[in-house]
Amino acid sequence: MAAARAPHGNNQPPKIIIVKKIIDGGHGGHHGGAWKVAYADFVTAMMAFFLLLWILGATTEKQRKSIADYFTPTLVDLKDNSAGSNGLFGGSSITDKDNYPHKAQQTGTRSMTIPSGATGGNKEGSGDKGSLRKGSAATAAEDQANFQRMRRRVQMEMASNAKLAKLAKHVRFVMTREGMRIDLIDDANYSMFALGTTALVPEASQLVGLVADAIKATGNPIMIRGHTDSLKFGDPRAMNNWMLSSGRAEATRRRLALGGVPEASFERIEGVADREPMIVEAPTDPRNRRVAITLLYRGSRSGA
């Protein structure tokens, strides 16, 4: 049989045409989806990390131990049938009233609202130490009544004395958490002490004597605090506002003692210089010079 003639008279095998399709997968390959999976894992890990940081910051040592115990199967088995204690926090919630504030009416964490002895319930500020703390409610009410009688007595006797009546605007009675505070305040025209000294002027000495006569029988502890303005002395090594304020507080104590106040009544005598100005915006204002005599509630002595 004769071989078939190649096309066009050419005695060669026919050509095989191969079509090669090239798909451009190199350029723009980073737009694929593999990186998204890795990124999602990273974000999940970061979220878990920040959640861990939040739990560490928002929980107490007891709660953190409860969390650790929850993820320890052997300890969970031991608590399995304990009523209210087989949860994540052993029956407590992270947002319990005494643990972590999460509402507007909550004032703080357990460490701020519950005494260190874990006693006292919800009575903030009425534990074993501090104002109103050792005495009963009846004692506190009696103290307040005595304070008001003392205030009226001092005001009436000042009003009946022409010299002391002029000092009425320099005397201020203020009820505080600690007790009744009597402020003896200077101004630009009058000073209770000779300028730059710890010597009471005669009228001020008579006024402190009047206060002594009114408070000597009360039996309340007494705190005296001296204050100055912020004017400086030439040589602070010889005299400064710390020395002046504490010296004036001590001079007031001596005058009260001379007026019959028992030595045992004095609880604290201190000078704070210009650190607690009454006129905050004007620390050099002469009204910042004052002595504060505070009748403390009974039972508020340190260590009582």
C-alpha atoms as a PDB file:
ATOM      1  CA  MET A   1       0.000   0.000   0.000  1.00  0.00           C
ATOM      2  CA  ALA A   2       1.482   3.287  -0.884  1.00  0.00           C
ATOM      3  CA  ALA A   3       2.086   5.760   1.957  1.00  0.00           C
ATOM      4  CA  ALA A   4      -0.233   8.658   2.055  1.00  0.00           C
ATOM      5  CA  ARG A   5       1.208  11.757   0.717  1.00  0.00           C
ATOM      6  CA  ALA A   6       1.934  14.467   3.158  1.00  0.00           C
ATOM      7  CA  PRO A   7       0.080  17.659   2.689  1.00  0.00           C
ATOM      8  CA  HIS A   8       1.401  19.985   0.095  1.00  0.00           C
ATOM      9  CA  GLY A   9       3.545  17.203  -1.355  1.00  0.00           C
ATOM     10  CA  ASN A  10       5.906  17.197   1.642  1.00  0.00           C
ATOM     11  CA  ASN A  11       6.791  13.679   2.745  1.00  0.00           C
ATOM     12  CA  GLN A  12       6.902  14.502   6.505  1.00  0.00           C
ATOM     13  CA  PRO A  13       4.557  13.483   9.331  1.00  0.00           C
ATOM     14  CA  PRO A  14       1.838  15.994  10.046  1.00  0.00           C
ATOM     15  CA  LYS A  15       2.613  18.530  12.773  1.00  0.00           C
ATOM     16  CA  ILE A  16       0.989  18.132  16.191  1.00  0.00           C
ATOM     17  CA  ILE A  17      -0.213  21.441  17.533  1.00  0.00           C
ATOM     18  CA  ILE A  18      -0.048  21.750  21.372  1.00  0.00           C
ATOM     19  CA  VAL A  19      -1.979  24.606  22.976  1.00  0.00           C
ATOM     20  CA  LYS A  20      -0.441  25.643  26.280  1.00  0.00           C
ATOM     21  CA  LYS A  21      -2.639  27.674  28.617  1.00  0.00           C
ATOM     22  CA  ILE A  22      -0.718  29.677  31.218  1.00  0.00           C
ATOM     23  CA  ILE A  23      -2.659  30.870  34.275  1.00  0.00           C
ATOM     24  CA  ASP A  24      -0.920  33.769  35.970  1.00  0.00           C
ATOM     25  CA  GLY A  25      -0.883  32.579  39.578  1.00  0.00           C
ATOM     26  CA  GLY A  26       2.384  34.226  40.649  1.00  0.00           C
ATOM     27  CA  HIS A  27       1.481  37.883  40.384  1.00  0.00           C
ATOM     28  CA  GLY A  28      -0.945  38.901  43.123  1.00  0.00           C
ATOM     29  CA  GLY A  29      -0.703  35.554  44.894  1.00  0.00           C
ATOM     30  CA  HIS A  30      -0.702  37.372  48.254  1.00  0.00           C
ATOM     31  CA  HIS A  31      -4.380  38.103  47.676  1.00  0.00           C
ATOM     32  CA  GLY A  32      -5.202  34.486  48.484  1.00  0.00           C
ATOM     33  CA  GLY A  33      -6.980  33.395  51.698  1.00  0.00           C
ATOM     34  CA  ALA A  34      -4.241  31.531  53.593  1.00  0.00           C
ATOM     35  CA  TRP A  35      -2.942  34.643  55.386  1.00  0.00           C
ATOM     36  CA  LYS A  36      -6.423  35.440  56.668  1.00  0.00           C
ATOM     37  CA  VAL A  37      -6.519  32.214  58.616  1.00  0.00           C
ATOM     38  CA  ALA A  38      -3.189  33.020  60.263  1.00  0.00           C
ATOM     39  CA  TYR A  39      -4.328  36.569  61.022  1.00  0.00           C
ATOM     40  CA  ALA A  40      -7.565  35.308  62.577  1.00  0.00           C
ATOM     41  CA  ASP A  41      -5.571  32.979  64.803  1.00  0.00           C
ATOM     42  CA  PHE A  42      -3.360  35.899  65.834  1.00  0.00           C
ATOM     43  CA  VAL A  43      -6.346  38.142  66.677  1.00  0.00           C
ATOM     44  CA  THR A  44      -7.946  35.329  68.673  1.00  0.00           C
ATOM     45  CA  ALA A  45      -4.734  34.823  70.628  1.00  0.00           C
ATOM     46  CA  MET A  46      -4.468  38.575  71.343  1.00  0.00           C
ATOM     47  CA  MET A  47      -8.082  38.701  72.503  1.00  0.00           C
ATOM     48  CA  ALA A  48      -7.415  35.801  74.864  1.00  0.00           C
ATOM     49  CA  PHE A  49      -4.267  37.554  76.109  1.00  0.00           C
ATOM     50  CA  PHE A  50      -6.079  40.836  76.876  1.00  0.00           C
ATOM     51  CA  LEU A  51      -8.916  38.911  78.498  1.00  0.00           C
ATOM     52  CA  LEU A  52      -6.336  37.274  80.748  1.00  0.00           C
ATOM     53  CA  LEU A  53      -4.872  40.690  81.649  1.00  0.00           C
ATOM     54  CA  TRP A  54      -8.359  42.015  82.465  1.00  0.00           C
ATOM     55  CA  ILE A  55      -9.120  39.040  84.706  1.00  0.00           C
ATOM     56  CA  LEU A  56      -5.801  39.496  86.550  1.00  0.00           C
ATOM     57  CA  GLY A  57      -6.558  43.166  87.145  1.00  0.00           C
ATOM     58  CA  ALA A  58     -10.227  42.830  88.032  1.00  0.00           C
ATOM     59  CA  THR A  59     -10.125  39.913  90.470  1.00  0.00           C
ATOM     60  CA  THR A  60      -8.868  39.302  93.964  1.00  0.00           C
ATOM     61  CA  GLU A  61      -6.358  36.667  94.970  1.00  0.00           C
ATOM     62  CA  LYS A  62      -9.197  34.432  96.152  1.00  0.00           C
ATOM     63  CA  GLN A  63     -11.001  34.761  92.825  1.00  0.00           C
ATOM     64  CA  ARG A  64      -7.838  34.012  90.826  1.00  0.00           C
ATOM     65  CA  LYS A  65      -7.329  30.885  92.894  1.00  0.00           C
ATOM     66  CA  SER A  66     -10.931  29.902  92.152  1.00  0.00           C
ATOM     67  CA  ILE A  67     -10.284  30.341  88.434  1.00  0.00           C
ATOM     68  CA  ALA A  68      -7.142  28.194  88.647  1.00  0.00           C
ATOM     69  CA  ASP A  69      -9.034  25.555  90.614  1.00  0.00           C
ATOM     70  CA  TYR A  70     -11.808  25.537  88.026  1.00  0.00           C
ATOM     71  CA  PHE A  71      -9.328  24.446  85.359  1.00  0.00           C
ATOM     72  CA  THR A  72      -7.853  21.747  87.612  1.00  0.00           C
ATOM     73  CA  PRO A  73     -10.105  18.698  87.181  1.00  0.00           C
ATOM     74  CA  THR A  74      -9.093  17.016  90.442  1.00  0.00           C
ATOM     75  CA  LEU A  75     -10.075  20.075  92.489  1.00  0.00           C
ATOM     76  CA  VAL A  76     -13.333  20.476  90.572  1.00  0.00           C
ATOM     77  CA  ASP A  77     -14.247  16.891  91.423  1.00  0.00           C
ATOM     78  CA  LEU A  78     -13.785  17.625  95.108  1.00  0.00           C
ATOM     79  CA  LYS A  79     -16.237  20.516  94.880  1.00  0.00           C
ATOM     80  CA  ASP A  80     -18.705  18.755  92.644  1.00  0.00           C
ATOM     81  CA  ASN A  81     -21.549  18.466  95.122  1.00  0.00           C
ATOM     82  CA  SER A  82     -20.900  21.546  97.251  1.00  0.00           C
ATOM     83  CA  ALA A  83     -23.927  23.822  97.124  1.00  0.00           C
ATOM     84  CA  GLY A  84     -23.099  27.071  95.364  1.00  0.00           C
ATOM     85  CA  SER A  85     -19.391  26.321  95.196  1.00  0.00           C
ATOM     86  CA  ASN A  86     -18.929  24.421  91.951  1.00  0.00           C
ATOM     87  CA  GLY A  87     -18.958  27.491  89.721  1.00  0.00           C
ATOM     88  CA  LEU A  88     -16.060  29.430  88.280  1.00  0.00           C
ATOM     89  CA  PHE A  89     -15.734  31.689  91.358  1.00  0.00           C
ATOM     90  CA  GLY A  90     -16.853  29.181  93.974  1.00  0.00           C
ATOM     91  CA  GLY A  91     -20.361  30.597  94.154  1.00  0.00           C
ATOM     92  CA  SER A  92     -19.316  34.283  93.856  1.00  0.00           C
ATOM     93  CA  SER A  93     -19.532  36.553  90.841  1.00  0.00           C
ATOM     94  CA  ILE A  94     -16.810  38.870  89.600  1.00  0.00           C
ATOM     95  CA  THR A  95     -19.401  41.675  89.717  1.00  0.00           C
ATOM     96  CA  ASP A  96     -20.556  40.996  93.272  1.00  0.00           C
ATOM     97  CA  LYS A  97     -21.270  44.122  95.291  1.00  0.00           C
ATOM     98  CA  ASP A  98     -18.167  43.742  97.450  1.00  0.00           C
ATOM     99  CA  ASN A  99     -15.807  42.638  94.717  1.00  0.00           C
ATOM    100  CA  TYR A 100     -15.859  44.853  91.646  1.00  0.00           C
ATOM    101  CA  PRO A 101     -17.909  47.995  90.910  1.00  0.00           C
ATOM    102  CA  HIS A 102     -20.096  47.690  87.814  1.00  0.00           C
ATOM    103  CA  LYS A 103     -23.021  49.980  88.661  1.00  0.00           C
ATOM    104  CA  ALA A 104     -23.271  53.678  89.420  1.00  0.00           C
ATOM    105  CA  GLN A 105     -24.401  53.044  93.008  1.00  0.00           C
ATOM    106  CA  GLN A 106     -21.360  50.930  93.826  1.00  0.00           C
ATOM    107  CA  THR A 107     -18.506  52.841  95.413  1.00  0.00           C
ATOM    108  CA  GLY A 108     -15.472  50.603  95.109  1.00  0.00           C
ATOM    109  CA  THR A 109     -13.766  47.290  95.505  1.00  0.00           C
ATOM    110  CA  ARG A 110     -13.956  45.133  98.579  1.00  0.00           C
ATOM    111  CA  SER A 111     -10.657  46.467  99.853  1.00  0.00           C
ATOM    112  CA  MET A 112     -12.097  49.992  99.927  1.00  0.00           C
ATOM    113  CA  THR A 113     -15.575  49.288 101.304  1.00  0.00           C
ATOM    114  CA  ILE A 114     -14.943  46.468 103.795  1.00  0.00           C
ATOM    115  CA  PRO A 115     -12.641  46.903 106.834  1.00  0.00           C
ATOM    116  CA  SER A 116      -9.404  44.945 106.827  1.00  0.00           C
ATOM    117  CA  GLY A 117     -10.819  42.684 109.510  1.00  0.00           C
ATOM    118  CA  ALA A 118     -13.668  41.740 107.152  1.00  0.00           C
ATOM    119  CA  THR A 119     -16.201  42.927 109.737  1.00  0.00           C
ATOM    120  CA  GLY A 120     -18.598  45.824 109.825  1.00  0.00           C
ATOM    121  CA  GLY A 121     -20.913  44.961 106.925  1.00  0.00           C
ATOM    122  CA  ASN A 122     -21.960  47.915 104.793  1.00  0.00           C
ATOM    123  CA  LYS A 123     -21.266  50.552 107.461  1.00  0.00           C
ATOM    124  CA  GLU A 124     -18.401  52.355 105.717  1.00  0.00           C
ATOM    125  CA  GLY A 125     -16.396  54.550 108.071  1.00  0.00           C
ATOM    126  CA  SER A 126     -17.844  52.985 111.234  1.00  0.00           C
ATOM    127  CA  GLY A 127     -15.311  50.270 111.978  1.00  0.00           C
ATOM    128  CA  ASP A 128     -13.148  49.958 115.071  1.00  0.00           C
ATOM    129  CA  LYS A 129     -10.963  52.997 114.409  1.00  0.00           C
ATOM    130  CA  GLY A 130     -11.775  56.611 113.569  1.00  0.00           C
ATOM    131  CA  SER A 131     -14.536  59.157 114.171  1.00  0.00           C
ATOM    132  CA  LEU A 132     -17.845  57.852 115.507  1.00  0.00           C
ATOM    133  CA  ARG A 133     -16.204  54.462 115.699  1.00  0.00           C
ATOM    134  CA  LYS A 134     -15.918  53.136 119.203  1.00  0.00           C
ATOM    135  CA  GLY A 135     -18.875  54.981 120.689  1.00  0.00           C
ATOM    136  CA  SER A 136     -22.477  54.055 120.216  1.00  0.00           C
ATOM    137  CA  ALA A 137     -25.009  56.097 118.257  1.00  0.00           C
ATOM    138  CA  ALA A 138     -26.325  57.443 121.569  1.00  0.00           C
ATOM    139  CA  THR A 139     -22.825  58.663 122.532  1.00  0.00           C
ATOM    140  CA  ALA A 140     -22.415  60.363 119.156  1.00  0.00           C
ATOM    141  CA  ALA A 141     -25.792  62.083 119.520  1.00  0.00           C
ATOM    142  CA  GLU A 142     -24.830  63.227 123.020  1.00  0.00           C
ATOM    143  CA  ASP A 143     -21.538  64.607 121.695  1.00  0.00           C
ATOM    144  CA  GLN A 144     -23.314  66.550 118.978  1.00  0.00           C
ATOM    145  CA  ALA A 145     -25.736  68.036 121.520  1.00  0.00           C
ATOM    146  CA  ASN A 146     -22.792  69.043 123.741  1.00  0.00           C
ATOM    147  CA  PHE A 147     -21.026  70.625 120.755  1.00  0.00           C
ATOM    148  CA  GLN A 148     -24.044  72.786 119.981  1.00  0.00           C
ATOM    149  CA  ARG A 149     -24.414  73.876 123.620  1.00  0.00           C
ATOM    150  CA  MET A 150     -20.735  74.757 123.727  1.00  0.00           C
ATOM    151  CA  ARG A 151     -21.058  76.768 120.506  1.00  0.00           C
ATOM    152  CA  ARG A 152     -24.055  78.731 121.810  1.00  0.00           C
ATOM    153  CA  ARG A 153     -22.308  79.415 125.116  1.00  0.00           C
ATOM    154  CA  VAL A 154     -19.162  80.754 123.450  1.00  0.00           C
ATOM    155  CA  GLN A 155     -21.172  82.920 121.058  1.00  0.00           C
ATOM    156  CA  MET A 156     -23.320  84.354 123.858  1.00  0.00           C
ATOM    157  CA  GLU A 157     -20.342  85.195 126.058  1.00  0.00           C
ATOM    158  CA  MET A 158     -18.541  86.787 123.131  1.00  0.00           C
ATOM    159  CA  ALA A 159     -21.603  88.898 122.369  1.00  0.00           C
ATOM    160  CA  SER A 160     -21.755  90.089 125.992  1.00  0.00           C
ATOM    161  CA  ASN A 161     -18.128  91.269 125.984  1.00  0.00           C
ATOM    162  CA  ALA A 162     -17.404  94.375 123.925  1.00  0.00           C
ATOM    163  CA  LYS A 163     -13.800  93.430 123.194  1.00  0.00           C
ATOM    164  CA  LEU A 164     -14.585  89.842 122.242  1.00  0.00           C
ATOM    165  CA  ALA A 165     -17.625  90.854 120.195  1.00  0.00           C
ATOM    166  CA  LYS A 166     -15.230  92.471 117.744  1.00  0.00           C
ATOM    167  CA  LEU A 167     -13.655  89.046 117.182  1.00  0.00           C
ATOM    168  CA  ALA A 168     -16.934  87.345 116.251  1.00  0.00           C
ATOM    169  CA  LYS A 169     -16.124  87.369 112.546  1.00  0.00           C
ATOM    170  CA  HIS A 170     -12.781  85.712 113.298  1.00  0.00           C
ATOM    171  CA  VAL A 171     -14.388  82.679 114.937  1.00  0.00           C
ATOM    172  CA  ARG A 172     -16.049  79.945 112.913  1.00  0.00           C
ATOM    173  CA  PHE A 173     -17.734  76.747 114.147  1.00  0.00           C
ATOM    174  CA  VAL A 174     -17.701  73.865 111.654  1.00  0.00           C
ATOM    175  CA  MET A 175     -19.114  70.358 112.071  1.00  0.00           C
ATOM    176  CA  THR A 176     -16.816  67.753 110.508  1.00  0.00           C
ATOM    177  CA  ARG A 177     -16.621  63.966 110.398  1.00  0.00           C
ATOM    178  CA  GLU A 178     -14.178  64.130 113.310  1.00  0.00           C
ATOM    179  CA  GLY A 179     -16.185  66.472 115.512  1.00  0.00           C
ATOM    180  CA  MET A 180     -16.763  70.199 116.127  1.00  0.00           C
ATOM    181  CA  ARG A 181     -13.970  72.399 114.750  1.00  0.00           C
ATOM    182  CA  ILE A 182     -13.442  75.941 116.051  1.00  0.00           C
ATOM    183  CA  ASP A 183     -11.426  78.053 113.605  1.00  0.00           C
ATOM    184  CA  LEU A 184      -9.670  81.169 114.908  1.00  0.00           C
ATOM    185  CA  ILE A 185      -8.966  83.084 111.708  1.00  0.00           C
ATOM    186  CA  ASP A 186      -6.789  86.117 110.937  1.00  0.00           C
ATOM    187  CA  ASP A 187      -7.499  88.730 108.296  1.00  0.00           C
ATOM    188  CA  ALA A 188      -5.720  91.740 106.837  1.00  0.00           C
ATOM    189  CA  ASN A 189      -6.686  93.927 109.822  1.00  0.00           C
ATOM    190  CA  TYR A 190      -6.268  91.555 112.727  1.00  0.00           C
ATOM    191  CA  SER A 191      -3.983  88.708 113.779  1.00  0.00           C
ATOM    192  CA  MET A 192      -4.514  86.320 116.698  1.00  0.00           C
ATOM    193  CA  PHE A 193      -0.741  86.213 117.200  1.00  0.00           C
ATOM    194  CA  ALA A 194       1.888  88.907 117.109  1.00  0.00           C
ATOM    195  CA  LEU A 195       3.201  88.959 113.557  1.00  0.00           C
ATOM    196  CA  GLY A 196       5.724  86.184 112.921  1.00  0.00           C
ATOM    197  CA  THR A 197       5.607  84.926 116.525  1.00  0.00           C
ATOM    198  CA  THR A 198       3.790  82.361 118.648  1.00  0.00           C
ATOM    199  CA  ALA A 199       2.571  84.934 121.198  1.00  0.00           C
ATOM    200  CA  LEU A 200      -1.228  85.318 121.449  1.00  0.00           C
ATOM    201  CA  VAL A 201      -2.417  88.927 121.528  1.00  0.00           C
ATOM    202  CA  PRO A 202      -4.461  89.789 124.665  1.00  0.00           C
ATOM    203  CA  GLU A 203      -7.918  89.618 123.060  1.00  0.00           C
ATOM    204  CA  ALA A 204      -7.119  86.301 121.370  1.00  0.00           C
ATOM    205  CA  SER A 205      -5.779  84.885 124.624  1.00  0.00           C
ATOM    206  CA  GLN A 206      -9.018  85.916 126.351  1.00  0.00           C
ATOM    207  CA  LEU A 207     -11.014  84.250 123.554  1.00  0.00           C
ATOM    208  CA  VAL A 208      -9.066  80.967 123.858  1.00  0.00           C
ATOM    209  CA  GLY A 209      -9.632  81.133 127.623  1.00  0.00           C
ATOM    210  CA  LEU A 210     -13.362  81.465 126.982  1.00  0.00           C
ATOM    211  CA  VAL A 211     -13.246  78.387 124.733  1.00  0.00           C
ATOM    212  CA  ALA A 212     -11.311  76.511 127.421  1.00  0.00           C
ATOM    213  CA  ASP A 213     -13.957  77.294 130.014  1.00  0.00           C
ATOM    214  CA  ALA A 214     -16.676  75.980 127.677  1.00  0.00           C
ATOM    215  CA  ILE A 215     -14.979  72.708 126.719  1.00  0.00           C
ATOM    216  CA  LYS A 216     -13.017  71.665 129.809  1.00  0.00           C
ATOM    217  CA  ALA A 217     -15.870  69.586 131.246  1.00  0.00           C
ATOM    218  CA  THR A 218     -16.919  67.842 128.027  1.00  0.00           C
ATOM    219  CA  GLY A 219     -14.438  64.970 128.221  1.00  0.00           C
ATOM    220  CA  ASN A 220     -13.950  64.947 124.440  1.00  0.00           C
ATOM    221  CA  PRO A 221     -10.456  64.484 122.966  1.00  0.00           C
ATOM    222  CA  ILE A 222      -9.017  67.665 121.484  1.00  0.00           C
ATOM    223  CA  MET A 223      -6.951  68.179 118.344  1.00  0.00           C
ATOM    224  CA  ILE A 224      -5.200  71.490 117.616  1.00  0.00           C
ATOM    225  CA  ARG A 225      -3.819  72.311 114.176  1.00  0.00           C
ATOM    226  CA  GLY A 226      -1.862  75.432 113.233  1.00  0.00           C
ATOM    227  CA  HIS A 227      -1.928  76.963 109.741  1.00  0.00           C
ATOM    228  CA  THR A 228       0.054  79.787 108.095  1.00  0.00           C
ATOM    229  CA  ASP A 229      -0.051  81.666 104.819  1.00  0.00           C
ATOM    230  CA  SER A 230       2.657  81.014 102.219  1.00  0.00           C
ATOM    231  CA  LEU A 231       4.798  84.090 102.922  1.00  0.00           C
ATOM    232  CA  LYS A 232       8.396  83.028 103.488  1.00  0.00           C
ATOM    233  CA  PHE A 233      10.888  83.973 106.175  1.00  0.00           C
ATOM    234  CA  GLY A 234      14.262  85.534 105.390  1.00  0.00           C
ATOM    235  CA  ASP A 235      16.277  82.684 106.877  1.00  0.00           C
ATOM    236  CA  PRO A 236      14.197  79.464 106.866  1.00  0.00           C
ATOM    237  CA  ARG A 237      16.802  77.778 109.075  1.00  0.00           C
ATOM    238  CA  ALA A 238      16.039  80.205 111.905  1.00  0.00           C
ATOM    239  CA  MET A 239      12.236  80.271 111.439  1.00  0.00           C
ATOM    240  CA  ASN A 240       9.868  78.860 108.834  1.00  0.00           C
ATOM    241  CA  ASN A 241       6.164  78.213 108.420  1.00  0.00           C
ATOM    242  CA  TRP A 242       6.420  74.660 109.775  1.00  0.00           C
ATOM    243  CA  MET A 243       7.927  75.923 113.008  1.00  0.00           C
ATOM    244  CA  LEU A 244       5.487  78.824 113.193  1.00  0.00           C
ATOM    245  CA  SER A 245       2.352  76.732 112.634  1.00  0.00           C
ATOM    246  CA  SER A 246       3.351  74.037 115.124  1.00  0.00           C
ATOM    247  CA  GLY A 247       4.499  76.673 117.629  1.00  0.00           C
ATOM    248  CA  ARG A 248       1.133  78.461 117.432  1.00  0.00           C
ATOM    249  CA  ALA A 249      -0.714  75.170 117.884  1.00  0.00           C
ATOM    250  CA  GLU A 250       1.365  74.478 121.008  1.00  0.00           C
ATOM    251  CA  ALA A 251       0.807  78.019 122.316  1.00  0.00           C
ATOM    252  CA  THR A 252      -2.954  77.470 121.919  1.00  0.00           C
ATOM    253  CA  ARG A 253      -2.682  74.163 123.801  1.00  0.00           C
ATOM    254  CA  ARG A 254      -0.851  75.860 126.663  1.00  0.00           C
ATOM    255  CA  ARG A 255      -3.551  78.555 126.884  1.00  0.00           C
ATOM    256  CA  LEU A 256      -6.311  75.932 126.918  1.00  0.00           C
ATOM    257  CA  ALA A 257      -4.478  74.026 129.640  1.00  0.00           C
ATOM    258  CA  LEU A 258      -4.123  77.248 131.619  1.00  0.00           C
ATOM    259  CA  GLY A 259      -7.894  77.656 131.281  1.00  0.00           C
ATOM    260  CA  GLY A 260      -8.534  74.298 132.941  1.00  0.00           C
ATOM    261  CA  VAL A 261      -8.566  71.781 130.077  1.00  0.00           C
ATOM    262  CA  PRO A 262      -7.054  68.511 131.407  1.00  0.00           C
ATOM    263  CA  GLU A 263      -3.735  67.476 129.891  1.00  0.00           C
ATOM    264  CA  ALA A 264      -5.142  64.033 129.087  1.00  0.00           C
ATOM    265  CA  SER A 265      -7.732  65.612 126.765  1.00  0.00           C
ATOM    266  CA  PHE A 266      -5.157  66.661 124.168  1.00  0.00           C
ATOM    267  CA  GLU A 267      -5.092  64.021 121.445  1.00  0.00           C
ATOM    268  CA  ARG A 268      -2.985  65.645 118.719  1.00  0.00           C
ATOM    269  CA  ILE A 269      -1.077  68.917 118.342  1.00  0.00           C
ATOM    270  CA  GLU A 270       0.295  69.644 114.879  1.00  0.00           C
ATOM    271  CA  GLY A 271       1.345  72.331 112.437  1.00  0.00           C
ATOM    272  CA  VAL A 272       0.807  72.002 108.688  1.00  0.00           C
ATOM    273  CA  ALA A 273       2.401  75.301 107.574  1.00  0.00           C
ATOM    274  CA  ASP A 274       0.765  76.533 104.341  1.00  0.00           C
ATOM    275  CA  ARG A 275      -0.147  73.068 103.034  1.00  0.00           C
ATOM    276  CA  GLU A 276      -3.896  73.357 103.703  1.00  0.00           C
ATOM    277  CA  PRO A 277      -4.895  76.920 102.738  1.00  0.00           C
ATOM    278  CA  MET A 278      -8.457  78.034 103.366  1.00  0.00           C
ATOM    279  CA  ILE A 279      -8.224  80.427 100.398  1.00  0.00           C
ATOM    280  CA  VAL A 280      -6.766  78.021  97.874  1.00  0.00           C
ATOM    281  CA  GLU A 281      -6.562  80.493  94.989  1.00  0.00           C
ATOM    282  CA  ALA A 282      -4.617  82.999  97.133  1.00  0.00           C
ATOM    283  CA  PRO A 283      -2.080  81.146  99.320  1.00  0.00           C
ATOM    284  CA  THR A 284      -0.664  84.429 100.671  1.00  0.00           C
ATOM    285  CA  ASP A 285      -4.077  85.639 101.866  1.00  0.00           C
ATOM    286  CA  PRO A 286      -3.884  86.445 105.607  1.00  0.00           C
ATOM    287  CA  ARG A 287      -7.097  84.444 106.213  1.00  0.00           C
ATOM    288  CA  ASN A 288      -5.002  81.331 105.663  1.00  0.00           C
ATOM    289  CA  ARG A 289      -3.371  82.078 109.020  1.00  0.00           C
ATOM    290  CA  ARG A 290      -5.511  80.286 111.570  1.00  0.00           C
ATOM    291  CA  VAL A 291      -5.607  77.833 114.443  1.00  0.00           C
ATOM    292  CA  ALA A 292      -8.213  75.049 114.399  1.00  0.00           C
ATOM    293  CA  ILE A 293      -9.360  73.564 117.727  1.00  0.00           C
ATOM    294  CA  THR A 294     -11.361  70.367 117.109  1.00  0.00           C
ATOM    295  CA  LEU A 295     -13.461  68.625 119.729  1.00  0.00           C
ATOM    296  CA  LEU A 296     -13.310  64.996 118.601  1.00  0.00           C
ATOM    297  CA  TYR A 297     -16.049  62.447 119.114  1.00  0.00           C
ATOM    298  CA  ARG A 298     -15.491  60.293 122.171  1.00  0.00           C
ATOM    299  CA  GLY A 299     -14.018  56.913 121.307  1.00  0.00           C
ATOM    300  CA  SER A 300     -11.987  58.299 118.395  1.00  0.00           C
ATOM    301  CA  ARG A 301      -8.623  58.225 120.120  1.00  0.00           C
ATOM    302  CA  SER A 302      -5.766  56.520 118.291  1.00  0.00           C
ATOM    303  CA  GLY A 303      -5.645  52.906 119.387  1.00  0.00           C
ATOM    304  CA  ALA A 304      -8.863  53.279 121.403  1.00  0.00           C
END
